[in-house]
Amino acid sequence: MTEIPVEEYLCTRIRRTEQALMGHHEAVLRGYGLTMTQYTVLLTLSREGGMSGAQLARACGVTQQTMATVLTGLQNKGLVVREPSPVHAKVMIATPTDEGRRLLERAYEEVIVLERALTDAFTPAEHAALCELLDRAAAILVQQTP
């Protein structure tokens, strides 16, 4: 077996990049009293409209149990409301409140700074290539997951 230094593994580089990204976002969001998952829920709801906990769990990549806890926290902060679905009374649909939308807008203005900095660090061709490579890597990671 050829020994490659761990720091040169693609998985190590992806993990370091993800840790740096999450560290940045968590530091920014902490100032708004939000976790990364709470922010992602508010962002998803602002773009998709009302959604059930199961739909949000899938969209955010967490379990339904985790999403139930996240939604309860957001509801307790007055950032989302949950009402019975008009189609299925046992399904609760979450929507952001006006306060939730305002908080998301303020947090987004800080979070997007990193997106713009990353985009500006690459030429348009490099950006497109990096996106394609990351998408391909993600597909392989999903494919290889048991």
N, C-alpha and C. Protein backbone atom coordinates (compact mmCIF):
# COMPACT_ATOMS: atom_id res chain seq x y z
N MET A 1 0.85 -1.18 0.00
CA MET A 1 0.00 0.00 0.00
C MET A 1 0.89 1.24 0.00
N THR A 2 0.61 2.15 -0.91
CA THR A 2 1.35 3.40 -1.00
C THR A 2 0.86 4.33 0.10
N GLU A 3 1.81 4.86 0.84
CA GLU A 3 1.45 5.77 1.93
C GLU A 3 1.39 7.20 1.42
N ILE A 4 0.21 7.76 1.44
CA ILE A 4 0.01 9.16 1.09
C ILE A 4 -0.21 9.90 2.40
N PRO A 5 0.44 11.04 2.58
CA PRO A 5 0.19 11.81 3.81
C PRO A 5 -1.29 12.13 3.95
N VAL A 6 -1.80 11.96 5.16
CA VAL A 6 -3.23 12.17 5.42
C VAL A 6 -3.69 13.54 4.96
N GLU A 7 -2.86 14.55 5.14
CA GLU A 7 -3.27 15.91 4.76
C GLU A 7 -3.46 16.07 3.25
N GLU A 8 -2.98 15.10 2.47
CA GLU A 8 -3.16 15.16 1.02
C GLU A 8 -4.39 14.38 0.54
N TYR A 9 -5.03 13.63 1.40
CA TYR A 9 -6.24 12.91 1.02
C TYR A 9 -7.32 13.91 0.61
N LEU A 10 -8.08 13.57 -0.43
CA LEU A 10 -9.19 14.42 -0.82
C LEU A 10 -10.22 14.54 0.31
N CYS A 11 -10.49 13.42 0.97
CA CYS A 11 -11.47 13.46 2.07
C CYS A 11 -11.02 14.40 3.18
N THR A 12 -9.73 14.44 3.46
CA THR A 12 -9.21 15.34 4.49
C THR A 12 -9.40 16.79 4.05
N ARG A 13 -9.13 17.07 2.79
CA ARG A 13 -9.28 18.44 2.28
C ARG A 13 -10.76 18.87 2.29
N ILE A 14 -11.63 17.95 1.90
CA ILE A 14 -13.06 18.26 1.92
C ILE A 14 -13.52 18.53 3.36
N ARG A 15 -13.07 17.69 4.30
CA ARG A 15 -13.45 17.87 5.71
C ARG A 15 -12.94 19.21 6.24
N ARG A 16 -11.70 19.56 5.94
CA ARG A 16 -11.14 20.85 6.40
C ARG A 16 -11.93 22.02 5.83
N THR A 17 -12.28 21.91 4.57
CA THR A 17 -13.05 22.97 3.92
C THR A 17 -14.42 23.10 4.57
N GLU A 18 -15.06 21.96 4.80
CA GLU A 18 -16.38 21.99 5.43
C GLU A 18 -16.30 22.56 6.85
N GLN A 19 -15.27 22.19 7.59
CA GLN A 19 -15.10 22.71 8.95
C GLN A 19 -14.90 24.22 8.94
N ALA A 20 -14.12 24.72 7.99
CA ALA A 20 -13.90 26.16 7.89
C ALA A 20 -15.20 26.88 7.53
N LEU A 21 -15.95 26.32 6.60
CA LEU A 21 -17.23 26.90 6.21
C LEU A 21 -18.21 26.93 7.38
N MET A 22 -18.35 25.80 8.05
CA MET A 22 -19.27 25.72 9.19
C MET A 22 -18.83 26.64 10.32
N GLY A 23 -17.52 26.70 10.56
CA GLY A 23 -17.02 27.59 11.61
C GLY A 23 -17.37 29.03 11.33
N HIS A 24 -17.21 29.45 10.09
CA HIS A 24 -17.57 30.82 9.71
C HIS A 24 -19.05 31.07 9.92
N HIS A 25 -19.87 30.20 9.35
CA HIS A 25 -21.32 30.40 9.44
C HIS A 25 -21.81 30.35 10.89
N GLU A 26 -21.29 29.41 11.66
CA GLU A 26 -21.72 29.31 13.06
C GLU A 26 -21.34 30.56 13.84
N ALA A 27 -20.17 31.12 13.58
CA ALA A 27 -19.75 32.35 14.27
C ALA A 27 -20.66 33.51 13.91
N VAL A 28 -20.99 33.63 12.63
CA VAL A 28 -21.89 34.70 12.20
C VAL A 28 -23.28 34.51 12.79
N LEU A 29 -23.80 33.29 12.68
CA LEU A 29 -25.18 33.02 13.11
C LEU A 29 -25.36 33.10 14.61
N ARG A 30 -24.30 32.82 15.36
CA ARG A 30 -24.36 32.91 16.82
C ARG A 30 -24.81 34.32 17.24
N GLY A 31 -24.36 35.32 16.49
CA GLY A 31 -24.76 36.71 16.78
C GLY A 31 -26.24 36.97 16.59
N TYR A 32 -26.91 36.08 15.90
CA TYR A 32 -28.35 36.20 15.67
C TYR A 32 -29.15 35.20 16.50
N GLY A 33 -28.46 34.44 17.34
CA GLY A 33 -29.12 33.45 18.17
C GLY A 33 -29.61 32.25 17.38
N LEU A 34 -28.96 31.97 16.23
CA LEU A 34 -29.38 30.86 15.37
C LEU A 34 -28.29 29.81 15.26
N THR A 35 -28.71 28.57 15.12
CA THR A 35 -27.79 27.50 14.74
C THR A 35 -27.80 27.41 13.22
N MET A 36 -26.86 26.66 12.68
CA MET A 36 -26.81 26.48 11.23
C MET A 36 -28.09 25.82 10.73
N THR A 37 -28.60 24.83 11.46
CA THR A 37 -29.82 24.15 11.02
C THR A 37 -31.01 25.09 11.08
N GLN A 38 -31.11 25.90 12.13
CA GLN A 38 -32.21 26.86 12.22
C GLN A 38 -32.17 27.85 11.06
N TYR A 39 -30.98 28.33 10.74
CA TYR A 39 -30.80 29.25 9.61
C TYR A 39 -31.24 28.57 8.32
N THR A 40 -30.82 27.32 8.12
CA THR A 40 -31.15 26.59 6.91
C THR A 40 -32.66 26.39 6.80
N VAL A 41 -33.32 26.12 7.91
CA VAL A 41 -34.79 25.99 7.91
C VAL A 41 -35.43 27.30 7.48
N LEU A 42 -35.02 28.41 8.08
CA LEU A 42 -35.60 29.70 7.72
C LEU A 42 -35.34 30.04 6.25
N LEU A 43 -34.14 29.76 5.79
CA LEU A 43 -33.80 30.03 4.39
C LEU A 43 -34.65 29.17 3.46
N THR A 44 -34.79 27.89 3.79
CA THR A 44 -35.59 26.97 2.97
C THR A 44 -37.05 27.41 2.94
N LEU A 45 -37.59 27.75 4.10
CA LEU A 45 -38.99 28.18 4.16
C LEU A 45 -39.20 29.49 3.40
N SER A 46 -38.21 30.37 3.44
CA SER A 46 -38.36 31.65 2.73
C SER A 46 -38.39 31.44 1.23
N ARG A 47 -37.75 30.38 0.76
CA ARG A 47 -37.68 30.13 -0.69
C ARG A 47 -38.76 29.17 -1.17
N GLU A 48 -39.16 28.24 -0.32
CA GLU A 48 -40.09 27.18 -0.74
C GLU A 48 -41.52 27.40 -0.23
N GLY A 49 -41.70 28.27 0.74
CA GLY A 49 -43.01 28.44 1.34
C GLY A 49 -43.21 27.43 2.46
N GLY A 50 -44.43 27.26 2.93
CA GLY A 50 -44.71 26.36 4.02
C GLY A 50 -44.34 24.92 3.71
N MET A 51 -43.77 24.25 4.70
CA MET A 51 -43.35 22.85 4.52
C MET A 51 -43.59 22.09 5.81
N SER A 52 -43.77 20.79 5.67
CA SER A 52 -43.91 19.92 6.84
C SER A 52 -42.54 19.66 7.44
N GLY A 53 -42.54 19.14 8.66
CA GLY A 53 -41.29 18.78 9.31
C GLY A 53 -40.53 17.72 8.52
N ALA A 54 -41.24 16.76 7.96
CA ALA A 54 -40.59 15.70 7.17
C ALA A 54 -39.94 16.28 5.92
N GLN A 55 -40.63 17.19 5.25
CA GLN A 55 -40.06 17.84 4.07
C GLN A 55 -38.82 18.64 4.43
N LEU A 56 -38.89 19.38 5.53
CA LEU A 56 -37.76 20.18 5.98
C LEU A 56 -36.58 19.29 6.38
N ALA A 57 -36.87 18.18 7.04
CA ALA A 57 -35.80 17.26 7.45
C ALA A 57 -35.04 16.77 6.22
N ARG A 58 -35.77 16.39 5.19
CA ARG A 58 -35.12 15.93 3.95
C ARG A 58 -34.31 17.06 3.32
N ALA A 59 -34.90 18.24 3.25
CA ALA A 59 -34.24 19.38 2.60
C ALA A 59 -32.98 19.81 3.35
N CYS A 60 -32.98 19.64 4.68
CA CYS A 60 -31.86 20.09 5.51
C CYS A 60 -30.88 18.97 5.87
N GLY A 61 -31.21 17.75 5.49
CA GLY A 61 -30.31 16.63 5.75
C GLY A 61 -30.20 16.22 7.20
N VAL A 62 -31.32 16.31 7.92
CA VAL A 62 -31.35 15.88 9.32
C VAL A 62 -32.50 14.89 9.51
N THR A 63 -32.53 14.24 10.66
CA THR A 63 -33.62 13.31 10.95
C THR A 63 -34.89 14.09 11.27
N GLN A 64 -36.02 13.39 11.19
CA GLN A 64 -37.29 14.02 11.53
C GLN A 64 -37.33 14.41 13.01
N GLN A 65 -36.69 13.59 13.86
CA GLN A 65 -36.65 13.90 15.29
C GLN A 65 -35.87 15.20 15.53
N THR A 66 -34.74 15.33 14.84
CA THR A 66 -33.94 16.56 14.98
C THR A 66 -34.74 17.75 14.48
N MET A 67 -35.41 17.58 13.36
CA MET A 67 -36.20 18.69 12.80
C MET A 67 -37.32 19.09 13.74
N ALA A 68 -37.95 18.13 14.40
CA ALA A 68 -39.01 18.46 15.36
C ALA A 68 -38.46 19.36 16.46
N THR A 69 -37.26 19.05 16.94
CA THR A 69 -36.62 19.86 17.98
C THR A 69 -36.28 21.25 17.45
N VAL A 70 -35.74 21.31 16.23
CA VAL A 70 -35.38 22.59 15.62
C VAL A 70 -36.62 23.46 15.44
N LEU A 71 -37.70 22.88 14.94
CA LEU A 71 -38.93 23.63 14.72
C LEU A 71 -39.53 24.13 16.03
N THR A 72 -39.46 23.30 17.07
CA THR A 72 -39.96 23.75 18.38
C THR A 72 -39.16 24.95 18.87
N GLY A 73 -37.84 24.89 18.70
CA GLY A 73 -36.99 26.02 19.10
C GLY A 73 -37.31 27.28 18.32
N LEU A 74 -37.50 27.15 17.02
CA LEU A 74 -37.84 28.31 16.19
C LEU A 74 -39.22 28.86 16.54
N GLN A 75 -40.14 27.95 16.83
CA GLN A 75 -41.48 28.38 17.21
C GLN A 75 -41.44 29.11 18.56
N ASN A 76 -40.68 28.59 19.51
CA ASN A 76 -40.57 29.23 20.82
C ASN A 76 -39.95 30.61 20.74
N LYS A 77 -39.09 30.83 19.74
CA LYS A 77 -38.47 32.15 19.53
C LYS A 77 -39.37 33.08 18.72
N GLY A 78 -40.50 32.56 18.26
CA GLY A 78 -41.42 33.37 17.47
C GLY A 78 -40.96 33.57 16.02
N LEU A 79 -40.12 32.66 15.53
CA LEU A 79 -39.57 32.80 14.18
C LEU A 79 -40.33 31.99 13.14
N VAL A 80 -41.07 30.97 13.58
CA VAL A 80 -41.95 30.21 12.69
C VAL A 80 -43.27 29.95 13.40
N VAL A 81 -44.28 29.71 12.60
CA VAL A 81 -45.57 29.22 13.12
C VAL A 81 -45.83 27.90 12.43
N ARG A 82 -46.54 27.02 13.14
CA ARG A 82 -46.93 25.73 12.56
C ARG A 82 -48.43 25.60 12.69
N GLU A 83 -49.04 25.27 11.56
CA GLU A 83 -50.49 25.11 11.52
C GLU A 83 -50.82 23.82 10.80
N PRO A 84 -51.96 23.22 11.12
CA PRO A 84 -52.35 21.98 10.45
C PRO A 84 -52.46 22.18 8.94
N SER A 85 -52.02 21.18 8.20
CA SER A 85 -52.11 21.21 6.75
C SER A 85 -53.58 21.19 6.34
N PRO A 86 -53.93 21.94 5.30
CA PRO A 86 -55.32 21.89 4.82
C PRO A 86 -55.66 20.53 4.18
N VAL A 87 -54.61 19.76 3.84
CA VAL A 87 -54.81 18.47 3.18
C VAL A 87 -54.84 17.33 4.19
N HIS A 88 -54.02 17.43 5.24
CA HIS A 88 -53.89 16.34 6.21
C HIS A 88 -53.76 16.96 7.60
N ALA A 89 -54.80 16.85 8.41
CA ALA A 89 -54.87 17.54 9.70
C ALA A 89 -53.75 17.17 10.66
N LYS A 90 -53.17 15.96 10.54
CA LYS A 90 -52.11 15.56 11.46
C LYS A 90 -50.74 16.11 11.06
N VAL A 91 -50.64 16.64 9.86
CA VAL A 91 -49.37 17.21 9.39
C VAL A 91 -49.36 18.70 9.67
N MET A 92 -48.31 19.14 10.35
CA MET A 92 -48.15 20.55 10.66
C MET A 92 -47.25 21.20 9.61
N ILE A 93 -47.69 22.34 9.11
CA ILE A 93 -46.93 23.08 8.11
C ILE A 93 -46.28 24.28 8.78
N ALA A 94 -44.97 24.39 8.60
CA ALA A 94 -44.21 25.51 9.19
C ALA A 94 -44.05 26.62 8.16
N THR A 95 -44.23 27.84 8.63
CA THR A 95 -43.97 29.02 7.80
C THR A 95 -43.25 30.05 8.66
N PRO A 96 -42.40 30.85 8.05
CA PRO A 96 -41.70 31.87 8.86
C PRO A 96 -42.64 33.00 9.24
N THR A 97 -42.43 33.54 10.41
CA THR A 97 -43.17 34.73 10.84
C THR A 97 -42.48 35.96 10.23
N ASP A 98 -43.11 37.11 10.38
CA ASP A 98 -42.46 38.35 9.92
C ASP A 98 -41.14 38.55 10.65
N GLU A 99 -41.13 38.26 11.95
CA GLU A 99 -39.90 38.38 12.73
C GLU A 99 -38.83 37.40 12.21
N GLY A 100 -39.25 36.19 11.87
CA GLY A 100 -38.33 35.20 11.32
C GLY A 100 -37.74 35.65 9.99
N ARG A 101 -38.56 36.25 9.14
CA ARG A 101 -38.09 36.76 7.85
C ARG A 101 -37.09 37.90 8.04
N ARG A 102 -37.40 38.79 8.98
CA ARG A 102 -36.49 39.93 9.23
C ARG A 102 -35.14 39.44 9.76
N LEU A 103 -35.18 38.50 10.70
CA LEU A 103 -33.93 37.96 11.26
C LEU A 103 -33.13 37.25 10.17
N LEU A 104 -33.80 36.45 9.35
CA LEU A 104 -33.13 35.76 8.25
C LEU A 104 -32.47 36.77 7.31
N GLU A 105 -33.18 37.81 6.98
CA GLU A 105 -32.64 38.81 6.06
C GLU A 105 -31.35 39.43 6.62
N ARG A 106 -31.35 39.76 7.90
CA ARG A 106 -30.15 40.35 8.52
C ARG A 106 -29.01 39.35 8.54
N ALA A 107 -29.30 38.11 8.93
CA ALA A 107 -28.26 37.08 8.99
C ALA A 107 -27.72 36.76 7.60
N TYR A 108 -28.62 36.70 6.63
CA TYR A 108 -28.23 36.39 5.25
C TYR A 108 -27.24 37.41 4.71
N GLU A 109 -27.46 38.67 5.04
CA GLU A 109 -26.56 39.72 4.56
C GLU A 109 -25.12 39.50 5.03
N GLU A 110 -24.94 38.89 6.18
CA GLU A 110 -23.59 38.58 6.65
C GLU A 110 -23.08 37.26 6.09
N VAL A 111 -23.94 36.26 6.01
CA VAL A 111 -23.53 34.95 5.50
C VAL A 111 -23.12 35.04 4.03
N ILE A 112 -23.83 35.84 3.25
CA ILE A 112 -23.58 35.93 1.81
C ILE A 112 -22.23 36.57 1.51
N VAL A 113 -21.67 37.28 2.45
CA VAL A 113 -20.35 37.90 2.26
C VAL A 113 -19.32 36.82 1.94
N LEU A 114 -19.38 35.69 2.63
CA LEU A 114 -18.43 34.61 2.37
C LEU A 114 -18.66 34.01 0.99
N GLU A 115 -19.91 33.83 0.60
CA GLU A 115 -20.21 33.31 -0.74
C GLU A 115 -19.62 34.22 -1.81
N ARG A 116 -19.79 35.51 -1.62
CA ARG A 116 -19.23 36.46 -2.60
C ARG A 116 -17.71 36.43 -2.61
N ALA A 117 -17.09 36.32 -1.44
CA ALA A 117 -15.63 36.25 -1.37
C ALA A 117 -15.10 35.00 -2.06
N LEU A 118 -15.77 33.88 -1.84
CA LEU A 118 -15.36 32.64 -2.51
C LEU A 118 -15.55 32.75 -4.02
N THR A 119 -16.66 33.29 -4.45
CA THR A 119 -16.92 33.44 -5.88
C THR A 119 -15.87 34.35 -6.51
N ASP A 120 -15.54 35.44 -5.82
CA ASP A 120 -14.56 36.39 -6.34
C ASP A 120 -13.14 35.82 -6.38
N ALA A 121 -12.87 34.78 -5.62
CA ALA A 121 -11.53 34.19 -5.56
C ALA A 121 -11.21 33.35 -6.80
N PHE A 122 -12.22 33.08 -7.63
CA PHE A 122 -12.04 32.23 -8.80
C PHE A 122 -12.51 32.96 -10.05
N THR A 123 -11.89 32.62 -11.17
CA THR A 123 -12.40 33.12 -12.44
C THR A 123 -13.73 32.42 -12.69
N PRO A 124 -14.55 32.95 -13.58
CA PRO A 124 -15.82 32.26 -13.89
C PRO A 124 -15.61 30.81 -14.33
N ALA A 125 -14.57 30.55 -15.11
CA ALA A 125 -14.30 29.17 -15.55
C ALA A 125 -13.88 28.30 -14.38
N GLU A 126 -13.04 28.83 -13.49
CA GLU A 126 -12.63 28.07 -12.30
C GLU A 126 -13.82 27.79 -11.40
N HIS A 127 -14.68 28.79 -11.24
CA HIS A 127 -15.88 28.63 -10.41
C HIS A 127 -16.76 27.52 -10.95
N ALA A 128 -17.01 27.55 -12.26
CA ALA A 128 -17.84 26.52 -12.89
C ALA A 128 -17.20 25.14 -12.73
N ALA A 129 -15.88 25.07 -12.94
CA ALA A 129 -15.18 23.78 -12.82
C ALA A 129 -15.23 23.28 -11.38
N LEU A 130 -15.01 24.17 -10.42
CA LEU A 130 -15.05 23.76 -9.00
C LEU A 130 -16.44 23.24 -8.64
N CYS A 131 -17.47 23.93 -9.07
CA CYS A 131 -18.83 23.48 -8.79
C CYS A 131 -19.08 22.10 -9.38
N GLU A 132 -18.64 21.89 -10.61
CA GLU A 132 -18.82 20.59 -11.25
C GLU A 132 -18.06 19.50 -10.51
N LEU A 133 -16.84 19.80 -10.10
CA LEU A 133 -16.02 18.82 -9.36
C LEU A 133 -16.64 18.50 -8.00
N LEU A 134 -17.13 19.52 -7.31
CA LEU A 134 -17.76 19.29 -6.01
C LEU A 134 -19.04 18.47 -6.16
N ASP A 135 -19.82 18.77 -7.18
CA ASP A 135 -21.04 17.98 -7.44
C ASP A 135 -20.69 16.53 -7.72
N ARG A 136 -19.65 16.32 -8.50
CA ARG A 136 -19.22 14.95 -8.82
C ARG A 136 -18.73 14.24 -7.56
N ALA A 137 -17.96 14.95 -6.74
CA ALA A 137 -17.48 14.36 -5.49
C ALA A 137 -18.65 13.99 -4.57
N ALA A 138 -19.62 14.88 -4.47
CA ALA A 138 -20.79 14.61 -3.62
C ALA A 138 -21.54 13.38 -4.11
N ALA A 139 -21.68 13.25 -5.43
CA ALA A 139 -22.38 12.08 -5.98
C ALA A 139 -21.65 10.79 -5.65
N ILE A 140 -20.32 10.81 -5.72
CA ILE A 140 -19.54 9.63 -5.37
C ILE A 140 -19.67 9.30 -3.89
N LEU A 141 -19.64 10.33 -3.06
CA LEU A 141 -19.78 10.11 -1.62
C LEU A 141 -21.14 9.49 -1.29
N VAL A 142 -22.19 9.98 -1.93
CA VAL A 142 -23.53 9.41 -1.70
C VAL A 142 -23.58 7.97 -2.21
N GLN A 143 -23.00 7.76 -3.37
CA GLN A 143 -22.99 6.42 -3.98
C GLN A 143 -22.24 5.41 -3.11
N GLN A 144 -21.19 5.84 -2.45
CA GLN A 144 -20.35 4.95 -1.65
C GLN A 144 -20.85 4.76 -0.22
N THR A 145 -21.87 5.51 0.15
CA THR A 145 -22.40 5.39 1.51
C THR A 145 -23.28 4.16 1.61
N PRO A 146 -22.97 3.28 2.60
CA PRO A 146 -23.77 2.04 2.73
C PRO A 146 -25.20 2.33 3.17
